Amino acid sequence: MTPQTAIASFPIAVEGLKVEKTETEAIVFDEVSESFHFLNPTAHSILNACNGSNTIKDIAGILALEFNCEDSELLFADVSETVKLFRDRGLVTFAVDDFRFNDESGSVVDPGELMSFVIHGVSMFPVLLAGDKALVKRTRVEDLKVGDIIVWSKTPSNTIAHRVVSLGLAADPWSIVTKGDLLLELDEPLQPGDVLGKIVAVLRGGHVQWLRQIEAGLADEPGARDPAIQPPVATGALPKKGSFNGLKVLDLREISAEAIGNIESVRDVSLVLLSPENESAWSKVDAQNVTSVITVPNHYRVYTGQPEILPELLEFSEKPLSIVVSGQLFLTDFRPDQFLKAFAHLMLSGQAYVGSAEARAALQSITTVLAGEIHVIASKHVRWIGESLIGPEYKSRNGELPLVAVGELARSQRLESIPEAAPFSGVVHKDRAAIA
């Protein structure tokens, strides 16, 4: 018998909460239960941090910075108790991160929890984007409606997320028919046992977006249209209009020109990728505060966040890579000659870090810098990404290793000085209000 394993859970404030702040507290109205809840500032901060991206430990760390609390064990216990109270009152649910529906590890999930898994492909564009984490609720087939997006699987290796276009639950045997919004062909009819759950929300850009809001195209528009009431045409229909906000990368390369023309708006996106086949349609899109729009062949791989690429990949690569990077790219272990073996072309929107001036020259020769720079830093260093608190534990853990920081650093009162950083222009040593 396979032993059961624990799965990390992330609290999420439920859909339909309305919050109004006063001078001394926050008033939360739950539209589902039509009930009011009064929260003090600490409880309100905890509820705000229940966004599907933070564990309870993460939330305790956020509060430690916000309220200058040094007792981490006491704070963790307080946050745990508050989140449990929220759950008992129906204000939060939990999501299981990167859940595998056909996992053989013996992992156990509470039936009331949401399960998240990463979306691949573009068949449900623009409602679901490649890279989204879909939040799936276990649902009885009797409770499904035409227009729901369900997750189903007929084989352990293949999990599909498509929209229900017809239900034959009165027939014997039952049948459920689904289709991808961008596809013309219907899927093979499903049996009830094939259905794993219904998608209710996605994690995108570090925040929860509820499916009904995405379907409406306007995240906070009252009276949003319910797709179950007005289901899509079974075949040949254009996808609903969608708005895409606050994304690192919006990859539209496999989207038809017709579908791109149907996009409602794009706001605050760092990088948009188009293909030679659909680039002409971009002019029809209402785009604001988009940093870069580039045309890239489909064979270019895309990396976001803080990727680190190691020279060991040369053993597995048949030919040099063509890649697009949006974020902080670490290449400090590469020698200058290895860059030419590893990469055919790099398109950079962000910062790249290499170990020597010679390595920087080699990387520059194969790089198109869309935004940012290539910096020289020490090959061995400690990284701080984002807004970070530097405390005495830095020296106890890392000794005198050089520091590379991307973002703001807050120095603890218990630390006399921030260690010297590796010399490059991207380091930020900005003392905000001291945090104990």
Protein backbone atom coordinates (compact mmCIF):
# COMPACT_ATOMS: atom_id res chain seq x y z
CA MET A 1 0.00 0.00 0.00
CA THR A 2 1.37 3.40 -1.01
CA PRO A 3 1.90 5.71 1.97
CA GLN A 4 -0.10 8.90 2.07
CA THR A 5 1.80 12.15 1.63
CA ALA A 6 0.96 15.62 2.82
CA ILE A 7 0.13 18.28 0.26
CA ALA A 8 0.77 22.00 0.71
CA SER A 9 -2.42 24.09 0.87
CA PHE A 10 -2.92 27.77 0.14
CA PRO A 11 -5.84 29.70 1.67
CA ILE A 12 -8.03 31.72 -0.73
CA ALA A 13 -10.68 34.30 0.13
CA VAL A 14 -13.90 32.97 -1.41
CA GLU A 15 -15.72 34.57 -4.32
CA GLY A 16 -18.32 37.22 -3.56
CA LEU A 17 -16.72 39.00 -0.58
CA LYS A 18 -17.19 42.76 -0.44
CA VAL A 19 -14.90 44.68 1.94
CA GLU A 20 -15.40 48.21 3.24
CA LYS A 21 -12.79 49.78 5.51
CA THR A 22 -13.54 52.18 8.34
CA GLU A 23 -11.06 54.02 10.58
CA THR A 24 -10.89 51.17 13.08
CA GLU A 25 -11.95 47.99 11.27
CA ALA A 26 -13.01 46.33 8.03
CA ILE A 27 -16.56 45.20 7.30
CA VAL A 28 -16.80 42.10 5.11
CA PHE A 29 -20.09 41.24 3.41
CA ASP A 30 -20.45 37.66 2.14
CA GLU A 31 -22.84 37.74 -0.83
CA VAL A 32 -23.42 33.98 -0.71
CA SER A 33 -24.54 33.74 2.92
CA GLU A 34 -25.67 37.40 3.05
CA SER A 35 -23.78 37.84 6.32
CA PHE A 36 -21.52 40.59 7.73
CA HIS A 37 -18.18 40.07 9.47
CA PHE A 38 -16.17 42.72 11.36
CA LEU A 39 -12.38 42.39 11.19
CA ASN A 40 -9.68 44.25 13.08
CA PRO A 41 -6.67 45.53 11.05
CA THR A 42 -4.63 42.35 11.69
CA ALA A 43 -7.44 40.02 10.61
CA HIS A 44 -8.05 42.19 7.54
CA SER A 45 -4.37 41.93 6.57
CA ILE A 46 -4.56 38.14 6.93
CA LEU A 47 -7.66 37.98 4.72
CA ASN A 48 -5.95 40.15 2.08
CA ALA A 49 -2.98 37.75 2.04
CA CYS A 50 -5.28 34.75 1.41
CA ASN A 51 -4.79 35.01 -2.34
CA GLY A 52 -3.89 31.45 -3.30
CA SER A 53 -0.17 32.22 -3.57
CA ASN A 54 0.71 32.31 0.15
CA THR A 55 0.90 29.47 2.65
CA ILE A 56 0.03 30.20 6.27
CA LYS A 57 3.77 30.47 6.94
CA ASP A 58 4.07 33.05 4.13
CA ILE A 59 1.19 35.07 5.58
CA ALA A 60 2.89 35.07 9.00
CA GLY A 61 6.01 36.46 7.33
CA ILE A 62 4.00 39.22 5.65
CA LEU A 63 2.47 40.23 8.97
CA ALA A 64 5.87 40.17 10.67
CA LEU A 65 6.98 42.93 8.30
CA GLU A 66 3.72 44.87 8.52
CA PHE A 67 3.38 44.85 12.32
CA ASN A 68 7.05 44.64 13.41
CA CYS A 69 6.57 41.31 15.21
CA GLU A 70 9.65 39.29 16.18
CA ASP A 71 7.97 36.22 17.72
CA SER A 72 7.53 34.09 14.58
CA GLU A 73 6.11 31.06 16.41
CA LEU A 74 3.43 33.10 18.17
CA LEU A 75 2.57 34.91 14.94
CA PHE A 76 2.28 31.62 13.01
CA ALA A 77 -0.08 30.26 15.67
CA ASP A 78 -2.22 33.43 15.55
CA VAL A 79 -2.43 33.34 11.74
CA SER A 80 -3.30 29.63 11.77
CA GLU A 81 -6.09 30.23 14.28
CA THR A 82 -7.47 33.20 12.33
CA VAL A 83 -7.46 31.32 9.00
CA LYS A 84 -9.25 28.39 10.65
CA LEU A 85 -11.88 30.82 11.95
CA PHE A 86 -12.24 32.29 8.44
CA ARG A 87 -12.73 28.81 7.05
CA ASP A 88 -15.32 27.91 9.68
CA ARG A 89 -17.23 31.07 8.74
CA GLY A 90 -17.01 30.32 5.02
CA LEU A 91 -14.70 33.24 4.20
CA VAL A 92 -11.79 31.18 2.88
CA THR A 93 -11.23 27.90 1.12
CA PHE A 94 -7.95 26.12 0.38
CA ALA A 95 -6.19 25.25 -2.87
CA VAL A 96 -3.79 22.35 -3.26
CA ASP A 97 -0.78 23.43 -5.31
CA ASP A 98 0.14 21.60 -8.54
CA PHE A 99 -2.19 18.70 -7.80
CA ARG A 100 -1.90 15.66 -10.05
CA PHE A 101 -5.29 14.09 -10.57
CA ASN A 102 -3.79 10.70 -11.33
CA ASP A 103 -1.01 10.87 -8.76
CA GLU A 104 0.04 7.44 -7.48
CA SER A 105 1.82 8.79 -4.39
CA GLY A 106 -1.19 8.30 -2.15
CA SER A 107 -1.72 12.03 -1.70
CA VAL A 108 -5.00 12.85 -0.01
CA VAL A 109 -7.05 15.99 -0.67
CA ASP A 110 -9.93 17.25 1.45
CA PRO A 111 -13.06 17.04 -0.76
CA GLY A 112 -13.84 20.66 0.08
CA GLU A 113 -10.48 21.96 -1.15
CA LEU A 114 -9.77 23.27 -4.62
CA MET A 115 -7.12 21.54 -6.69
CA SER A 116 -4.76 23.52 -8.89
CA PHE A 117 -2.95 22.37 -11.98
CA VAL A 118 -1.07 24.21 -14.72
CA ILE A 119 -2.81 24.89 -18.04
CA HIS A 120 -0.91 23.92 -21.18
CA GLY A 121 -1.97 24.73 -24.72
CA VAL A 122 -4.29 27.38 -26.13
CA SER A 123 -7.57 25.57 -26.83
CA MET A 124 -9.42 27.62 -24.17
CA PHE A 125 -7.92 31.02 -25.07
CA PRO A 126 -8.69 33.71 -24.00
CA VAL A 127 -10.50 32.38 -20.91
CA LEU A 128 -7.56 30.18 -19.90
CA LEU A 129 -3.94 31.06 -20.72
CA ALA A 130 -0.99 28.72 -20.98
CA GLY A 131 0.75 28.91 -17.60
CA ASP A 132 -2.42 29.66 -15.61
CA LYS A 133 -3.05 27.55 -12.54
CA ALA A 134 -6.64 26.41 -12.83
CA LEU A 135 -8.51 25.93 -9.54
CA VAL A 136 -10.76 22.90 -9.81
CA LYS A 137 -13.68 22.01 -7.57
CA ARG A 138 -14.86 18.42 -7.31
CA THR A 139 -18.40 18.49 -8.70
CA ARG A 140 -21.13 15.88 -9.13
CA VAL A 141 -22.06 15.41 -12.78
CA GLU A 142 -25.68 16.07 -11.82
CA ASP A 143 -24.64 19.61 -10.87
CA LEU A 144 -22.90 20.42 -14.17
CA LYS A 145 -24.41 22.89 -16.65
CA VAL A 146 -23.82 23.64 -20.31
CA GLY A 147 -21.14 26.36 -20.37
CA ASP A 148 -19.12 24.99 -17.42
CA ILE A 149 -15.41 24.37 -18.06
CA ILE A 150 -14.60 20.94 -16.70
CA VAL A 151 -11.45 18.91 -16.27
CA TRP A 152 -11.62 15.35 -17.55
CA SER A 153 -9.33 12.45 -18.29
CA LYS A 154 -9.71 9.16 -20.09
CA THR A 155 -6.08 8.11 -19.61
CA PRO A 156 -3.72 8.71 -16.64
CA SER A 157 -1.28 10.68 -18.80
CA ASN A 158 -3.73 13.12 -20.39
CA THR A 159 -5.84 15.70 -18.53
CA ILE A 160 -8.08 18.03 -20.56
CA ALA A 161 -9.87 21.28 -19.63
CA HIS A 162 -12.72 22.04 -22.08
CA ARG A 163 -16.19 23.57 -22.02
CA VAL A 164 -19.41 21.53 -21.70
CA VAL A 165 -21.54 22.03 -24.84
CA SER A 166 -24.15 19.32 -24.26
CA LEU A 167 -25.37 17.11 -21.42
CA GLY A 168 -27.17 13.82 -21.88
CA LEU A 169 -27.70 12.86 -18.28
CA ALA A 170 -31.19 11.49 -18.93
CA ALA A 171 -29.88 8.96 -21.43
CA ASP A 172 -28.58 5.50 -20.64
CA PRO A 173 -25.62 5.58 -20.56
CA TRP A 174 -25.08 9.22 -19.66
CA SER A 175 -22.94 11.30 -22.02
CA ILE A 176 -21.22 14.67 -21.68
CA VAL A 177 -19.79 16.47 -24.74
CA THR A 178 -17.08 19.11 -24.45
CA LYS A 179 -15.10 21.33 -26.82
CA GLY A 180 -12.18 23.74 -26.65
CA ASP A 181 -13.30 27.31 -27.39
CA LEU A 182 -10.70 27.66 -30.16
CA LEU A 183 -11.37 24.22 -31.64
CA LEU A 184 -13.93 23.32 -34.29
CA GLU A 185 -14.14 19.63 -33.46
CA LEU A 186 -16.16 18.28 -30.55
CA ASP A 187 -14.44 15.99 -28.07
CA GLU A 188 -15.34 12.34 -27.79
CA PRO A 189 -18.38 11.94 -25.47
CA LEU A 190 -17.48 11.47 -21.81
CA GLN A 191 -18.81 9.14 -19.18
CA PRO A 192 -19.45 10.48 -15.64
CA GLY A 193 -16.36 8.67 -14.35
CA ASP A 194 -14.15 10.68 -16.74
CA VAL A 195 -15.03 13.99 -15.07
CA LEU A 196 -12.53 15.16 -12.42
CA GLY A 197 -14.07 18.52 -11.53
CA LYS A 198 -15.15 21.99 -12.63
CA ILE A 199 -12.83 25.00 -12.99
CA VAL A 200 -14.02 27.86 -10.79
CA ALA A 201 -11.02 30.22 -10.88
CA VAL A 202 -7.42 30.63 -12.02
CA LEU A 203 -4.26 31.86 -10.32
CA ARG A 204 -2.75 34.46 -12.63
CA GLY A 205 -0.14 37.06 -11.79
CA GLY A 206 -0.13 36.02 -8.13
CA HIS A 207 -3.84 36.64 -7.64
CA VAL A 208 -7.08 34.69 -7.91
CA GLN A 209 -9.35 35.53 -10.84
CA TRP A 210 -12.78 33.95 -10.64
CA LEU A 211 -13.97 32.32 -13.83
CA ARG A 212 -17.21 34.26 -14.05
CA GLN A 213 -15.25 37.50 -13.94
CA ILE A 214 -12.85 36.31 -16.62
CA GLU A 215 -15.72 35.17 -18.82
CA ALA A 216 -17.30 38.59 -18.52
CA GLY A 217 -14.06 40.24 -19.65
CA LEU A 218 -14.42 42.95 -16.99
CA ALA A 219 -13.06 41.77 -13.65
CA ASP A 220 -15.18 44.06 -11.46
CA GLU A 221 -18.20 44.75 -13.67
CA PRO A 222 -21.46 44.16 -11.76
CA GLY A 223 -24.01 41.87 -13.34
CA ALA A 224 -21.43 39.86 -15.27
CA ARG A 225 -22.89 37.47 -17.79
CA ASP A 226 -23.05 33.85 -16.63
CA PRO A 227 -21.71 31.58 -19.40
CA ALA A 228 -23.98 28.79 -18.20
CA ILE A 229 -27.04 30.91 -19.03
CA GLN A 230 -25.77 31.89 -22.48
CA PRO A 231 -23.62 28.96 -23.60
CA PRO A 232 -21.31 29.17 -26.61
CA VAL A 233 -22.27 27.74 -29.99
CA ALA A 234 -21.04 24.16 -30.21
CA THR A 235 -18.85 24.58 -33.29
CA GLY A 236 -17.22 27.39 -35.20
CA ALA A 237 -17.84 30.12 -32.60
CA LEU A 238 -15.31 32.82 -31.85
CA PRO A 239 -14.08 32.86 -28.25
CA LYS A 240 -15.54 35.42 -25.89
CA LYS A 241 -13.70 38.68 -25.58
CA GLY A 242 -11.18 38.76 -22.76
CA SER A 243 -9.08 41.37 -20.98
CA PHE A 244 -5.53 40.59 -19.88
CA ASN A 245 -4.01 42.69 -17.11
CA GLY A 246 -0.76 42.71 -15.13
CA LEU A 247 0.96 39.78 -16.87
CA LYS A 248 4.68 39.23 -17.24
CA VAL A 249 4.29 37.57 -20.65
CA LEU A 250 1.24 37.23 -22.90
CA ASP A 251 2.13 34.55 -25.46
CA LEU A 252 -0.22 34.81 -28.45
CA ARG A 253 1.92 32.99 -30.99
CA GLU A 254 -0.44 30.05 -31.48
CA ILE A 255 -3.58 32.22 -31.50
CA SER A 256 -5.28 32.96 -34.81
CA ALA A 257 -5.36 36.53 -36.15
CA GLU A 258 -9.16 36.41 -35.92
CA ALA A 259 -9.03 35.50 -32.20
CA ILE A 260 -6.49 38.26 -31.47
CA GLY A 261 -8.82 40.78 -33.09
CA ASN A 262 -11.50 39.63 -30.66
CA ILE A 263 -9.45 40.56 -27.54
CA GLU A 264 -11.15 43.29 -25.48
CA SER A 265 -8.04 44.93 -24.01
CA VAL A 266 -4.49 44.37 -22.76
CA ARG A 267 -3.20 46.41 -19.80
CA ASP A 268 0.12 46.54 -17.90
CA VAL A 269 1.83 43.63 -19.66
CA SER A 270 5.63 43.47 -19.85
CA LEU A 271 5.97 41.40 -23.01
CA VAL A 272 3.58 40.32 -25.79
CA LEU A 273 4.69 37.58 -28.19
CA LEU A 274 3.20 37.35 -31.68
CA SER A 275 3.90 35.02 -34.60
CA PRO A 276 4.58 36.04 -38.23
CA GLU A 277 1.12 34.67 -39.07
CA ASN A 278 -0.87 36.84 -36.64
CA GLU A 279 1.26 39.97 -36.02
CA SER A 280 -0.90 42.12 -38.33
CA ALA A 281 -3.93 41.64 -36.03
CA TRP A 282 -2.25 43.31 -33.02
CA SER A 283 -3.10 46.78 -34.29
CA LYS A 284 -6.78 46.03 -33.59
CA VAL A 285 -6.15 45.42 -29.86
CA ASP A 286 -6.79 48.13 -27.26
CA ALA A 287 -3.37 47.94 -25.54
CA GLN A 288 -2.13 50.28 -22.80
CA ASN A 289 1.13 50.24 -20.85
CA VAL A 290 2.58 47.28 -22.78
CA THR A 291 6.38 47.43 -22.54
CA SER A 292 7.38 45.30 -25.56
CA VAL A 293 5.58 43.60 -28.45
CA ILE A 294 7.73 41.28 -30.55
CA THR A 295 7.28 38.75 -33.34
CA VAL A 296 8.89 35.43 -32.43
CA PRO A 297 8.81 32.05 -34.23
CA ASN A 298 7.01 29.29 -32.34
CA HIS A 299 10.20 27.26 -31.77
CA TYR A 300 11.60 29.91 -29.38
CA ARG A 301 11.28 28.75 -25.77
CA VAL A 302 9.93 31.22 -23.22
CA TYR A 303 11.29 31.63 -19.66
CA THR A 304 9.77 33.94 -17.03
CA GLY A 305 10.50 34.76 -13.41
CA GLN A 306 14.07 34.13 -12.21
CA PRO A 307 15.37 31.29 -14.41
CA GLU A 308 18.87 29.93 -13.93
CA ILE A 309 20.31 28.06 -16.88
CA LEU A 310 23.31 25.82 -16.18
CA PRO A 311 26.11 24.71 -18.51
CA GLU A 312 25.09 21.09 -17.92
CA LEU A 313 22.30 21.58 -20.46
CA LEU A 314 24.98 21.32 -23.18
CA GLU A 315 25.06 17.57 -22.57
CA PHE A 316 21.38 17.26 -23.47
CA SER A 317 20.97 19.89 -26.21
CA GLU A 318 21.12 18.72 -29.79
CA LYS A 319 21.50 22.29 -31.04
CA PRO A 320 21.78 25.80 -29.52
CA LEU A 321 18.59 27.21 -27.99
CA SER A 322 16.60 30.19 -29.19
CA ILE A 323 14.88 31.65 -26.12
CA VAL A 324 12.85 34.60 -24.86
CA VAL A 325 13.36 35.65 -21.23
CA SER A 326 11.24 38.03 -19.17
CA GLY A 327 12.63 38.45 -15.68
CA GLN A 328 15.96 37.92 -13.92
CA LEU A 329 18.17 35.49 -15.87
CA PHE A 330 21.16 33.98 -14.04
CA LEU A 331 23.99 32.63 -16.25
CA THR A 332 26.92 33.09 -13.87
CA ASP A 333 28.29 29.55 -14.30
CA PHE A 334 28.81 29.84 -18.07
CA ARG A 335 32.23 30.42 -19.64
CA PRO A 336 32.28 32.78 -22.65
CA ASP A 337 32.77 29.93 -25.15
CA GLN A 338 29.85 28.00 -23.67
CA PHE A 339 27.35 30.74 -24.50
CA LEU A 340 27.85 30.21 -28.23
CA LYS A 341 27.35 26.46 -27.82
CA ALA A 342 24.25 26.85 -25.66
CA PHE A 343 22.36 29.69 -27.36
CA ALA A 344 21.55 30.61 -30.93
CA HIS A 345 19.63 33.74 -29.92
CA LEU A 346 18.39 35.33 -26.67
CA MET A 347 15.66 37.99 -26.54
CA LEU A 348 15.85 39.66 -23.13
CA SER A 349 13.23 41.73 -21.33
CA GLY A 350 14.71 42.15 -17.87
CA GLN A 351 18.14 41.61 -16.36
CA ALA A 352 20.77 38.97 -17.15
CA TYR A 353 23.70 38.19 -14.84
CA VAL A 354 27.01 36.68 -15.97
CA GLY A 355 30.30 35.98 -14.20
CA SER A 356 32.85 38.07 -16.14
CA ALA A 357 33.28 40.91 -18.62
CA GLU A 358 34.28 38.36 -21.27
CA ALA A 359 31.09 36.40 -20.62
CA ARG A 360 29.03 39.57 -20.95
CA ALA A 361 30.62 40.33 -24.34
CA ALA A 362 29.88 36.79 -25.54
CA LEU A 363 26.27 36.97 -24.38
CA GLN A 364 25.78 40.42 -25.92
CA SER A 365 26.83 39.04 -29.29
CA ILE A 366 23.81 36.69 -29.39
CA THR A 367 21.29 38.82 -27.46
CA THR A 368 18.61 41.29 -28.47
CA VAL A 369 17.92 43.42 -25.40
CA LEU A 370 14.29 44.52 -25.45
CA ALA A 371 14.51 46.08 -21.99
CA GLY A 372 17.09 45.88 -19.20
CA GLU A 373 20.81 45.10 -19.14
CA ILE A 374 23.44 42.35 -18.88
CA HIS A 375 25.38 42.66 -15.59
CA VAL A 376 28.64 41.17 -14.33
CA ILE A 377 28.41 39.70 -10.82
CA ALA A 378 30.40 37.23 -8.73
CA SER A 379 29.66 33.63 -9.65
CA LYS A 380 28.99 32.76 -6.01
CA HIS A 381 26.55 35.12 -4.38
CA VAL A 382 23.37 35.40 -2.35
CA ARG A 383 20.27 36.60 -4.17
CA TRP A 384 17.45 38.71 -2.83
CA ILE A 385 14.57 39.09 -5.26
CA GLY A 386 11.79 41.59 -4.63
CA GLU A 387 11.20 43.41 -1.35
CA SER A 388 13.42 41.69 1.21
CA LEU A 389 14.28 41.99 4.89
CA ILE A 390 18.00 41.62 5.64
CA GLY A 391 18.58 40.52 9.22
CA PRO A 392 21.31 38.91 11.38
CA GLU A 393 20.40 35.52 9.93
CA TYR A 394 22.02 36.70 6.68
CA LYS A 395 25.54 36.53 8.14
CA SER A 396 24.88 33.41 10.17
CA ARG A 397 23.69 31.54 7.07
CA ASN A 398 25.87 33.01 4.36
CA GLY A 399 29.04 34.27 5.99
CA GLU A 400 30.76 36.83 3.81
CA LEU A 401 29.29 35.76 0.47
CA PRO A 402 28.63 38.73 -1.82
CA LEU A 403 25.07 39.98 -2.14
CA VAL A 404 23.05 40.53 -5.31
CA ALA A 405 19.73 42.27 -4.76
CA VAL A 406 16.94 42.98 -7.21
CA GLY A 407 14.34 45.14 -5.50
CA GLU A 408 14.24 47.01 -2.19
CA LEU A 409 16.15 45.91 0.89
CA ALA A 410 14.94 46.67 4.40
CA ARG A 411 17.67 46.48 7.06
CA SER A 412 16.78 45.05 10.45
CA GLN A 413 17.69 47.13 13.50
CA ARG A 414 19.56 44.04 14.69
CA LEU A 415 21.97 44.25 11.73
CA GLU A 416 24.56 47.04 11.85
CA SER A 417 25.04 47.24 8.10
CA ILE A 418 24.06 45.54 4.87
CA PRO A 419 26.98 43.49 3.52
CA GLU A 420 28.89 44.76 0.54
CA ALA A 421 27.29 43.75 -2.72
CA ALA A 422 28.89 42.47 -5.87
CA PRO A 423 29.60 45.61 -7.95
CA PHE A 424 27.02 46.14 -10.67
CA SER A 425 24.51 48.89 -11.34
CA GLY A 426 21.42 46.85 -10.62
CA VAL A 427 21.99 46.47 -6.88
CA VAL A 428 19.60 48.46 -4.72
CA HIS A 429 20.67 49.29 -1.16
CA LYS A 430 17.73 51.36 -0.02
CA ASP A 431 17.01 51.54 3.70
CA ARG A 432 13.30 51.86 4.29
CA ALA A 433 11.89 52.28 7.80
CA ALA A 434 13.97 49.92 9.91
CA ILE A 435 12.23 46.66 10.74
CA ALA A 436 13.18 44.74 13.87
